Amino acid sequence: MTTYEARPVGPDVLKELRTADDAGRPRVPYTATEGGEPLRCCLRGARAGERIALVSYAPLRRWAAETRAHPGAYDEQGPVFIHAEECDGPAADRTGYPFSRAGALRTVRRYDADGRIVGGRLLEIPADEERGFDEALAEAFADPEVVLAHVRAVEYGCFHFEVRAG
């Protein structure tokens, strides 16, 4: 079975988001008190005492700019947590999928080359979390139209990470 790569928000995008987010607002850093906030820059939970920020992020817009896609109304933005300062990205020894916990609900939203939604799937993360994600993503990319998938939390609709074909 293929293992898919969960892509973090990249360093160039983070630099932009630290100036102004995708809604045009300045970031407002704060210190995580308990930790656990899902950081999209390094794909892990924040630790107590880390400086973080909640910013508006438009993942499909960023991808469309790279690929010259035209997502139209599917270009949406939403809240994501990032480190307030520099981030080294995901740990080199990180395994599995980020923000994964058995029983949690996720949606795997599928997009075509134009950035239009071509389907989705509700995923209740099973006890074998990695296998559950692998199967849901394999199903998504079995459709030849699908070039991109977003994994989102059902509870809040938040973008967690993207996976690209290939």
C-alpha atoms as a PDB file:
ATOM      1  CA  MET A   1       0.000   0.000   0.000  1.00  0.00           C
ATOM      2  CA  THR A   2       1.222   3.490  -0.852  1.00  0.00           C
ATOM      3  CA  THR A   3       1.955   5.921   1.972  1.00  0.00           C
ATOM      4  CA  TYR A   4       1.067   9.485   1.079  1.00  0.00           C
ATOM      5  CA  GLU A   5       2.958  12.612   2.087  1.00  0.00           C
ATOM      6  CA  ALA A   6       1.197  15.098   4.335  1.00  0.00           C
ATOM      7  CA  ARG A   7       2.457  18.500   3.214  1.00  0.00           C
ATOM      8  CA  PRO A   8       2.962  21.310   5.738  1.00  0.00           C
ATOM      9  CA  VAL A   9       2.507  24.998   5.046  1.00  0.00           C
ATOM     10  CA  GLY A  10       5.859  25.857   3.425  1.00  0.00           C
ATOM     11  CA  PRO A  11       8.476  28.325   4.710  1.00  0.00           C
ATOM     12  CA  ASP A  12       7.854  30.933   1.979  1.00  0.00           C
ATOM     13  CA  VAL A  13       4.129  30.955   2.732  1.00  0.00           C
ATOM     14  CA  LEU A  14       4.819  31.141   6.473  1.00  0.00           C
ATOM     15  CA  LYS A  15       6.953  34.212   5.915  1.00  0.00           C
ATOM     16  CA  GLU A  16       4.031  35.891   4.142  1.00  0.00           C
ATOM     17  CA  LEU A  17       1.510  34.787   6.771  1.00  0.00           C
ATOM     18  CA  ARG A  18       3.668  36.288   9.507  1.00  0.00           C
ATOM     19  CA  THR A  19       3.315  39.689   7.833  1.00  0.00           C
ATOM     20  CA  ALA A  20      -0.367  39.486   6.906  1.00  0.00           C
ATOM     21  CA  ASP A  21      -2.632  36.462   6.675  1.00  0.00           C
ATOM     22  CA  ASP A  22      -4.697  35.509   3.635  1.00  0.00           C
ATOM     23  CA  ALA A  23      -7.546  37.721   4.869  1.00  0.00           C
ATOM     24  CA  GLY A  24      -5.167  40.706   5.025  1.00  0.00           C
ATOM     25  CA  ARG A  25      -4.965  40.839   8.815  1.00  0.00           C
ATOM     26  CA  PRO A  26      -1.703  41.092  10.777  1.00  0.00           C
ATOM     27  CA  ARG A  27      -0.802  38.046  12.855  1.00  0.00           C
ATOM     28  CA  VAL A  28      -1.313  38.290  16.591  1.00  0.00           C
ATOM     29  CA  PRO A  29       1.210  36.051  18.339  1.00  0.00           C
ATOM     30  CA  TYR A  30       0.578  34.572  21.776  1.00  0.00           C
ATOM     31  CA  THR A  31       2.117  31.990  24.070  1.00  0.00           C
ATOM     32  CA  ALA A  32       0.465  28.574  24.101  1.00  0.00           C
ATOM     33  CA  THR A  33      -0.549  27.892  27.693  1.00  0.00           C
ATOM     34  CA  GLU A  34      -1.458  24.209  27.591  1.00  0.00           C
ATOM     35  CA  GLY A  35      -0.320  23.351  24.068  1.00  0.00           C
ATOM     36  CA  GLY A  36      -1.932  20.937  21.641  1.00  0.00           C
ATOM     37  CA  GLU A  37      -2.904  23.470  18.969  1.00  0.00           C
ATOM     38  CA  PRO A  38      -2.353  21.760  15.570  1.00  0.00           C
ATOM     39  CA  LEU A  39       0.557  23.618  13.972  1.00  0.00           C
ATOM     40  CA  ARG A  40       0.353  23.456  10.167  1.00  0.00           C
ATOM     41  CA  CYS A  41       3.994  24.520   9.724  1.00  0.00           C
ATOM     42  CA  CYS A  42       5.518  21.462  11.396  1.00  0.00           C
ATOM     43  CA  LEU A  43       2.482  19.147  11.522  1.00  0.00           C
ATOM     44  CA  ARG A  44       2.501  18.598  15.280  1.00  0.00           C
ATOM     45  CA  GLY A  45       0.744  19.925  18.335  1.00  0.00           C
ATOM     46  CA  ALA A  46       2.059  23.080  19.952  1.00  0.00           C
ATOM     47  CA  ARG A  47       3.944  22.720  23.219  1.00  0.00           C
ATOM     48  CA  ALA A  48       3.139  24.809  26.274  1.00  0.00           C
ATOM     49  CA  GLY A  49       5.233  27.979  26.191  1.00  0.00           C
ATOM     50  CA  GLU A  50       5.686  28.113  22.396  1.00  0.00           C
ATOM     51  CA  ARG A  51       4.878  31.359  20.587  1.00  0.00           C
ATOM     52  CA  ILE A  52       2.141  30.670  18.043  1.00  0.00           C
ATOM     53  CA  ALA A  53      -0.473  32.553  16.023  1.00  0.00           C
ATOM     54  CA  LEU A  54      -3.885  31.777  14.588  1.00  0.00           C
ATOM     55  CA  VAL A  55      -4.043  33.090  11.018  1.00  0.00           C
ATOM     56  CA  SER A  56      -6.377  32.884   8.045  1.00  0.00           C
ATOM     57  CA  TYR A  57      -4.992  30.603   5.335  1.00  0.00           C
ATOM     58  CA  ALA A  58      -6.214  29.859   1.794  1.00  0.00           C
ATOM     59  CA  PRO A  59      -4.548  26.535   0.870  1.00  0.00           C
ATOM     60  CA  LEU A  60      -6.272  26.108  -2.483  1.00  0.00           C
ATOM     61  CA  ARG A  61      -5.356  29.666  -3.516  1.00  0.00           C
ATOM     62  CA  ARG A  62      -1.688  28.946  -2.836  1.00  0.00           C
ATOM     63  CA  TRP A  63      -1.779  25.699  -4.825  1.00  0.00           C
ATOM     64  CA  ALA A  64      -3.682  27.389  -7.687  1.00  0.00           C
ATOM     65  CA  ALA A  65      -1.033  30.096  -7.957  1.00  0.00           C
ATOM     66  CA  GLU A  66       1.624  27.378  -8.418  1.00  0.00           C
ATOM     67  CA  THR A  67      -0.364  25.365 -10.965  1.00  0.00           C
ATOM     68  CA  ARG A  68      -2.337  28.127 -12.740  1.00  0.00           C
ATOM     69  CA  ALA A  69      -5.603  26.490 -11.716  1.00  0.00           C
ATOM     70  CA  HIS A  70      -8.814  28.511 -11.447  1.00  0.00           C
ATOM     71  CA  PRO A  71     -10.732  27.264  -8.395  1.00  0.00           C
ATOM     72  CA  GLY A  72     -13.305  30.058  -8.503  1.00  0.00           C
ATOM     73  CA  ALA A  73     -15.642  29.903  -5.512  1.00  0.00           C
ATOM     74  CA  TYR A  74     -13.761  26.904  -4.093  1.00  0.00           C
ATOM     75  CA  ASP A  75     -10.973  29.296  -3.088  1.00  0.00           C
ATOM     76  CA  GLU A  76     -11.763  29.536   0.598  1.00  0.00           C
ATOM     77  CA  GLN A  77      -9.798  30.563   3.630  1.00  0.00           C
ATOM     78  CA  GLY A  78      -9.933  29.451   7.215  1.00  0.00           C
ATOM     79  CA  PRO A  79      -8.076  29.475  10.506  1.00  0.00           C
ATOM     80  CA  VAL A  80      -4.813  27.597  11.046  1.00  0.00           C
ATOM     81  CA  PHE A  81      -2.197  27.669  13.794  1.00  0.00           C
ATOM     82  CA  ILE A  82       1.432  28.391  12.912  1.00  0.00           C
ATOM     83  CA  HIS A  83       4.587  29.169  14.850  1.00  0.00           C
ATOM     84  CA  ALA A  84       4.816  32.921  15.393  1.00  0.00           C
ATOM     85  CA  GLU A  85       8.515  32.886  14.517  1.00  0.00           C
ATOM     86  CA  GLU A  86      10.754  30.608  12.453  1.00  0.00           C
ATOM     87  CA  CYS A  87       9.856  26.938  12.229  1.00  0.00           C
ATOM     88  CA  ASP A  88      12.084  24.079  11.107  1.00  0.00           C
ATOM     89  CA  GLY A  89       9.149  22.209   9.568  1.00  0.00           C
ATOM     90  CA  PRO A  90       8.194  18.616  10.361  1.00  0.00           C
ATOM     91  CA  ALA A  91      10.709  16.485  12.262  1.00  0.00           C
ATOM     92  CA  ALA A  92      12.753  14.290   9.941  1.00  0.00           C
ATOM     93  CA  ASP A  93      11.807  11.208  11.974  1.00  0.00           C
ATOM     94  CA  ARG A  94       8.058  11.980  12.044  1.00  0.00           C
ATOM     95  CA  THR A  95       5.947   8.959  11.143  1.00  0.00           C
ATOM     96  CA  GLY A  96       2.269   8.511  10.403  1.00  0.00           C
ATOM     97  CA  TYR A  97      -0.205  11.238   9.601  1.00  0.00           C
ATOM     98  CA  PRO A  98      -0.430  14.435  11.639  1.00  0.00           C
ATOM     99  CA  PHE A  99      -3.275  15.233  14.012  1.00  0.00           C
ATOM    100  CA  SER A 100      -4.354  11.604  13.890  1.00  0.00           C
ATOM    101  CA  ARG A 101      -6.276  10.066  16.741  1.00  0.00           C
ATOM    102  CA  ALA A 102      -8.450   6.974  16.588  1.00  0.00           C
ATOM    103  CA  GLY A 103     -12.132   7.908  16.564  1.00  0.00           C
ATOM    104  CA  ALA A 104     -11.601  11.474  15.311  1.00  0.00           C
ATOM    105  CA  LEU A 105     -13.575  12.514  12.243  1.00  0.00           C
ATOM    106  CA  ARG A 106     -11.859  13.899   9.165  1.00  0.00           C
ATOM    107  CA  THR A 107     -12.979  14.687   5.672  1.00  0.00           C
ATOM    108  CA  VAL A 108     -10.794  13.983   2.656  1.00  0.00           C
ATOM    109  CA  ARG A 109     -11.812  16.573   0.075  1.00  0.00           C
ATOM    110  CA  ARG A 110     -10.741  15.881  -3.516  1.00  0.00           C
ATOM    111  CA  TYR A 111      -9.863  18.463  -6.164  1.00  0.00           C
ATOM    112  CA  ASP A 112      -9.271  18.275  -9.922  1.00  0.00           C
ATOM    113  CA  ALA A 113      -6.589  20.126 -11.910  1.00  0.00           C
ATOM    114  CA  ASP A 114      -8.797  23.235 -12.123  1.00  0.00           C
ATOM    115  CA  GLY A 115      -9.168  23.337  -8.337  1.00  0.00           C
ATOM    116  CA  ARG A 116     -12.783  22.244  -8.342  1.00  0.00           C
ATOM    117  CA  ILE A 117     -14.135  19.794  -5.765  1.00  0.00           C
ATOM    118  CA  VAL A 118     -14.752  16.406  -7.363  1.00  0.00           C
ATOM    119  CA  GLY A 119     -15.721  14.475  -4.280  1.00  0.00           C
ATOM    120  CA  GLY A 120     -14.989  13.813  -0.692  1.00  0.00           C
ATOM    121  CA  ARG A 121     -15.092  11.198   1.967  1.00  0.00           C
ATOM    122  CA  LEU A 122     -15.810  11.159   5.661  1.00  0.00           C
ATOM    123  CA  LEU A 123     -13.130   9.268   7.567  1.00  0.00           C
ATOM    124  CA  GLU A 124     -13.526   8.097  11.124  1.00  0.00           C
ATOM    125  CA  ILE A 125      -9.921   7.394  11.975  1.00  0.00           C
ATOM    126  CA  PRO A 126      -9.631   3.706  12.895  1.00  0.00           C
ATOM    127  CA  ALA A 127      -7.352   2.145  15.522  1.00  0.00           C
ATOM    128  CA  ASP A 128      -4.786   1.542  12.760  1.00  0.00           C
ATOM    129  CA  GLU A 129      -4.604   5.253  11.978  1.00  0.00           C
ATOM    130  CA  GLU A 130      -1.996   5.126   9.211  1.00  0.00           C
ATOM    131  CA  ARG A 131      -3.781   2.342   7.345  1.00  0.00           C
ATOM    132  CA  GLY A 132      -7.066   4.253   7.580  1.00  0.00           C
ATOM    133  CA  PHE A 133      -5.537   7.363   6.021  1.00  0.00           C
ATOM    134  CA  ASP A 134      -3.682   5.320   3.385  1.00  0.00           C
ATOM    135  CA  GLU A 135      -6.932   3.654   2.312  1.00  0.00           C
ATOM    136  CA  ALA A 136      -8.903   6.922   2.178  1.00  0.00           C
ATOM    137  CA  LEU A 137      -6.170   8.623   0.159  1.00  0.00           C
ATOM    138  CA  ALA A 138      -5.746   5.633  -2.168  1.00  0.00           C
ATOM    139  CA  GLU A 139      -9.484   5.790  -2.834  1.00  0.00           C
ATOM    140  CA  ALA A 140      -9.247   9.516  -3.546  1.00  0.00           C
ATOM    141  CA  PHE A 141      -6.313   9.236  -5.953  1.00  0.00           C
ATOM    142  CA  ALA A 142      -7.776   6.178  -7.718  1.00  0.00           C
ATOM    143  CA  ASP A 143      -9.968   8.709  -9.528  1.00  0.00           C
ATOM    144  CA  PRO A 144      -7.783   9.988 -12.406  1.00  0.00           C
ATOM    145  CA  GLU A 145      -9.357  13.450 -12.111  1.00  0.00           C
ATOM    146  CA  VAL A 146      -8.037  13.922  -8.579  1.00  0.00           C
ATOM    147  CA  VAL A 147      -4.719  15.769  -8.314  1.00  0.00           C
ATOM    148  CA  LEU A 148      -4.998  17.174  -4.792  1.00  0.00           C
ATOM    149  CA  ALA A 149      -6.674  16.241  -1.522  1.00  0.00           C
ATOM    150  CA  HIS A 150      -7.227  18.302   1.600  1.00  0.00           C
ATOM    151  CA  VAL A 151      -7.670  16.632   4.960  1.00  0.00           C
ATOM    152  CA  ARG A 152      -9.860  18.684   7.280  1.00  0.00           C
ATOM    153  CA  ALA A 153     -11.304  18.340  10.757  1.00  0.00           C
ATOM    154  CA  VAL A 154     -15.042  17.722  10.680  1.00  0.00           C
ATOM    155  CA  GLU A 155     -15.696  19.429  14.009  1.00  0.00           C
ATOM    156  CA  TYR A 156     -14.309  22.817  12.971  1.00  0.00           C
ATOM    157  CA  GLY A 157     -13.814  22.426   9.213  1.00  0.00           C
ATOM    158  CA  CYS A 158     -10.165  23.400   9.667  1.00  0.00           C
ATOM    159  CA  PHE A 159      -7.608  22.542   7.028  1.00  0.00           C
ATOM    160  CA  HIS A 160      -5.091  20.067   8.478  1.00  0.00           C
ATOM    161  CA  PHE A 161      -2.835  19.173   5.561  1.00  0.00           C
ATOM    162  CA  GLU A 162      -2.738  18.575   1.821  1.00  0.00           C
ATOM    163  CA  VAL A 163      -1.676  15.586  -0.222  1.00  0.00           C
ATOM    164  CA  ARG A 164      -0.762  15.847  -3.901  1.00  0.00           C
ATOM    165  CA  ALA A 165      -0.907  13.162  -6.579  1.00  0.00           C
ATOM    166  CA  GLY A 166       2.349  11.601  -7.653  1.00  0.00           C
END
